[in-house]
C-alpha atoms as a PDB file:
ATOM      1  CA  MET A   1    -275.063 -75.198-151.806  1.00  0.00           C
ATOM      2  CA  SER A   2    -273.333 -71.842-151.851  1.00  0.00           C
ATOM      3  CA  PHE A   3    -269.575 -71.615-151.459  1.00  0.00           C
ATOM      4  CA  ALA A   4    -270.071 -69.955-148.031  1.00  0.00           C
ATOM      5  CA  ALA A   5    -272.139 -72.925-146.867  1.00  0.00           C
ATOM      6  CA  GLN A   6    -269.637 -75.416-148.310  1.00  0.00           C
ATOM      7  CA  ASN A   7    -266.809 -73.574-146.586  1.00  0.00           C
ATOM      8  CA  LEU A   8    -268.596 -73.713-143.216  1.00  0.00           C
ATOM      9  CA  VAL A   9    -269.535 -77.402-143.620  1.00  0.00           C
ATOM     10  CA  ALA A  10    -265.908 -78.180-144.376  1.00  0.00           C
ATOM     11  CA  PHE A  11    -264.754 -76.094-141.393  1.00  0.00           C
ATOM     12  CA  VAL A  12    -267.142 -77.809-138.979  1.00  0.00           C
ATOM     13  CA  GLU A  13    -265.996 -81.202-140.364  1.00  0.00           C
ATOM     14  CA  LEU A  14    -262.405 -80.180-139.719  1.00  0.00           C
ATOM     15  CA  LEU A  15    -263.307 -79.170-136.153  1.00  0.00           C
ATOM     16  CA  GLU A  16    -265.045 -82.501-135.534  1.00  0.00           C
ATOM     17  CA  THR A  17    -262.550 -84.805-137.211  1.00  0.00           C
ATOM     18  CA  GLN A  18    -259.244 -83.025-136.433  1.00  0.00           C
ATOM     19  CA  PRO A  19    -259.631 -81.015-133.257  1.00  0.00           C
ATOM     20  CA  SER A  20    -255.915 -81.525-132.481  1.00  0.00           C
ATOM     21  CA  LEU A  21    -255.076 -79.116-135.313  1.00  0.00           C
ATOM     22  CA  PHE A  22    -256.446 -76.331-133.158  1.00  0.00           C
ATOM     23  CA  SER A  23    -254.935 -74.951-129.950  1.00  0.00           C
ATOM     24  CA  GLN A  24    -257.097 -73.823-127.050  1.00  0.00           C
ATOM     25  CA  GLU A  25    -256.161 -70.279-128.040  1.00  0.00           C
ATOM     26  CA  ASN A  26    -257.528 -71.001-131.536  1.00  0.00           C
ATOM     27  CA  PHE A  27    -260.845 -72.103-130.137  1.00  0.00           C
ATOM     28  CA  ALA A  28    -261.039 -68.984-127.986  1.00  0.00           C
ATOM     29  CA  GLU A  29    -260.126 -66.770-130.968  1.00  0.00           C
ATOM     30  CA  LEU A  30    -262.819 -68.391-133.088  1.00  0.00           C
ATOM     31  CA  GLU A  31    -265.515 -67.914-130.453  1.00  0.00           C
ATOM     32  CA  LYS A  32    -264.495 -64.286-129.999  1.00  0.00           C
ATOM     33  CA  LEU A  33    -264.425 -63.796-133.771  1.00  0.00           C
ATOM     34  CA  ILE A  34    -267.824 -65.315-134.486  1.00  0.00           C
ATOM     35  CA  SER A  35    -269.829 -64.176-131.458  1.00  0.00           C
ATOM     36  CA  PRO A  36    -270.365 -60.547-132.608  1.00  0.00           C
ATOM     37  CA  ILE A  37    -271.131 -61.488-136.197  1.00  0.00           C
ATOM     38  CA  PRO A  38    -274.843 -61.585-137.197  1.00  0.00           C
ATOM     39  CA  ASP A  39    -276.280 -65.089-137.930  1.00  0.00           C
ATOM     40  CA  ASP A  40    -275.328 -64.732-141.571  1.00  0.00           C
ATOM     41  CA  ILE A  41    -273.620 -67.636-143.311  1.00  0.00           C
ATOM     42  CA  GLU A  42    -271.813 -65.420-145.816  1.00  0.00           C
ATOM     43  CA  LYS A  43    -270.328 -63.117-143.118  1.00  0.00           C
ATOM     44  CA  ILE A  44    -269.310 -66.029-140.832  1.00  0.00           C
ATOM     45  CA  SER A  45    -267.724 -67.827-143.819  1.00  0.00           C
ATOM     46  CA  ILE A  46    -265.713 -64.764-144.764  1.00  0.00           C
ATOM     47  CA  ALA A  47    -264.491 -64.246-141.168  1.00  0.00           C
ATOM     48  CA  ILE A  48    -263.486 -67.903-140.805  1.00  0.00           C
ATOM     49  CA  ALA A  49    -261.734 -67.921-144.203  1.00  0.00           C
ATOM     50  CA  ALA A  50    -259.773 -64.789-143.191  1.00  0.00           C
ATOM     51  CA  TRP A  51    -258.927 -66.373-139.793  1.00  0.00           C
ATOM     52  CA  CYS A  52    -257.678 -69.605-141.465  1.00  0.00           C
ATOM     53  CA  GLN A  53    -255.229 -67.555-143.577  1.00  0.00           C
ATOM     54  CA  GLN A  54    -253.164 -67.049-140.386  1.00  0.00           C
ATOM     55  CA  TYR A  55    -252.800 -70.875-139.851  1.00  0.00           C
ATOM     56  CA  PRO A  56    -251.312 -72.649-142.941  1.00  0.00           C
ATOM     57  CA  ASN A  57    -251.804 -76.142-141.478  1.00  0.00           C
ATOM     58  CA  ILE A  58    -255.503 -75.496-140.800  1.00  0.00           C
ATOM     59  CA  LEU A  59    -255.959 -73.770-144.174  1.00  0.00           C
ATOM     60  CA  THR A  60    -254.378 -76.718-145.989  1.00  0.00           C
ATOM     61  CA  GLU A  61    -256.724 -79.212-144.330  1.00  0.00           C
ATOM     62  CA  GLN A  62    -259.733 -76.903-144.962  1.00  0.00           C
ATOM     63  CA  LEU A  63    -258.871 -76.644-148.650  1.00  0.00           C
ATOM     64  CA  ALA A  64    -258.486 -80.476-148.907  1.00  0.00           C
ATOM     65  CA  LEU A  65    -261.964 -80.936-147.400  1.00  0.00           C
ATOM     66  CA  LEU A  66    -263.389 -78.401-149.848  1.00  0.00           C
ATOM     67  CA  GLN A  67    -261.694 -80.219-152.689  1.00  0.00           C
ATOM     68  CA  ASN A  68    -263.200 -83.528-151.522  1.00  0.00           C
ATOM     69  CA  GLN A  69    -266.661 -81.882-151.391  1.00  0.00           C
ATOM     70  CA  ASP A  70    -266.178 -80.634-154.913  1.00  0.00           C
ATOM     71  CA  ASN A  71    -265.128 -84.093-156.166  1.00  0.00           C
ATOM     72  CA  ASN A  72    -268.178 -85.679-154.456  1.00  0.00           C
ATOM     73  CA  ASN A  73    -270.432 -83.251-156.321  1.00  0.00           C
ATOM     74  CA  HIS A  74    -269.202 -84.475-159.728  1.00  0.00           C
ATOM     75  CA  ARG A  75    -270.547 -88.023-159.627  1.00  0.00           C
ATOM     76  CA  LYS A  76    -271.954 -89.695-162.673  1.00  0.00           C
ATOM     77  CA  PRO A  77    -275.639 -89.297-163.509  1.00  0.00           C
ATOM     78  CA  GLY A  78    -277.648 -92.191-162.224  1.00  0.00           C
ATOM     79  CA  SER A  79    -275.206 -92.786-159.398  1.00  0.00           C
ATOM     80  CA  GLU A  80    -276.881 -93.923-156.251  1.00  0.00           C
ATOM     81  CA  GLN A  81    -274.471 -92.031-154.055  1.00  0.00           C
ATOM     82  CA  THR A  82    -276.322 -89.365-152.066  1.00  0.00           C
ATOM     83  CA  ASN A  83    -274.999 -85.869-151.676  1.00  0.00           C
ATOM     84  CA  ALA A  84    -272.417 -86.186-148.903  1.00  0.00           C
ATOM     85  CA  ASN A  85    -272.266 -82.381-148.572  1.00  0.00           C
ATOM     86  CA  ILE A  86    -275.712 -81.920-147.037  1.00  0.00           C
ATOM     87  CA  PRO A  87    -274.895 -80.899-143.487  1.00  0.00           C
ATOM     88  CA  LYS A  88    -276.089 -83.169-140.708  1.00  0.00           C
ATOM     89  CA  PHE A  89    -277.097 -80.071-138.734  1.00  0.00           C
ATOM     90  CA  LYS A  90    -278.669 -76.711-139.402  1.00  0.00           C
ATOM     91  CA  LEU A  91    -275.942 -74.410-140.646  1.00  0.00           C
ATOM     92  CA  ASP A  92    -276.244 -71.413-138.352  1.00  0.00           C
ATOM     93  CA  LYS A  93    -274.089 -69.378-135.984  1.00  0.00           C
ATOM     94  CA  ARG A  94    -275.242 -71.253-132.854  1.00  0.00           C
ATOM     95  CA  ASN A  95    -274.380 -74.684-134.297  1.00  0.00           C
ATOM     96  CA  ILE A  96    -270.985 -73.443-135.532  1.00  0.00           C
ATOM     97  CA  LEU A  97    -270.207 -72.073-132.075  1.00  0.00           C
ATOM     98  CA  ASN A  98    -271.377 -75.380-130.534  1.00  0.00           C
ATOM     99  CA  SER A  99    -269.004 -77.293-132.821  1.00  0.00           C
ATOM    100  CA  ILE A 100    -266.126 -74.995-131.739  1.00  0.00           C
ATOM    101  CA  GLN A 101    -266.877 -75.610-128.074  1.00  0.00           C
ATOM    102  CA  GLN A 102    -267.301 -79.389-128.507  1.00  0.00           C
ATOM    103  CA  SER A 103    -264.056 -79.629-130.491  1.00  0.00           C
ATOM    104  CA  SER A 104    -262.300 -77.627-127.760  1.00  0.00           C
ATOM    105  CA  LEU A 105    -263.464 -80.163-125.171  1.00  0.00           C
ATOM    106  CA  ALA A 106    -262.458 -83.060-127.408  1.00  0.00           C
ATOM    107  CA  ALA A 107    -258.991 -81.608-127.900  1.00  0.00           C
ATOM    108  CA  LYS A 108    -258.598 -81.133-124.153  1.00  0.00           C
ATOM    109  CA  GLU A 109    -259.579 -84.798-123.593  1.00  0.00           C
ATOM    110  CA  VAL A 110    -257.033 -86.004-126.165  1.00  0.00           C
ATOM    111  CA  LYS A 111    -254.278 -83.969-124.532  1.00  0.00           C
ATOM    112  CA  LYS A 112    -255.249 -85.308-121.058  1.00  0.00           C
ATOM    113  CA  THR A 113    -255.041 -88.931-122.177  1.00  0.00           C
ATOM    114  CA  HIS A 114    -251.728 -88.344-123.969  1.00  0.00           C
ATOM    115  CA  ASN A 115    -250.199 -86.633-120.906  1.00  0.00           C
ATOM    116  CA  HIS A 116    -250.932 -89.565-118.520  1.00  0.00           C
END
């Protein structure tokens, strides 16, 4: 898997597992950032990586997930562990935007339940 693909898989995992790291403004920024980009994994990955540079807490978690992916790729020969880095979805612009939107909704729900 290319670094761009690994980066996007880690970012989507971050969106899905830690939506509270992102503000609603972050979700809006990401949608606005990605929407005009062609459906090109390299270009989307570069844009997201640049965006993450502005948010140290998101960047730190992103890098931790990438490190975990890297560690999972270095298993012993003959190991029965499957490649955990194979995405559970097709890695394309539409699915990345869907993940952003779903995480935005999840973050709103978490805030609603904490505010009651």
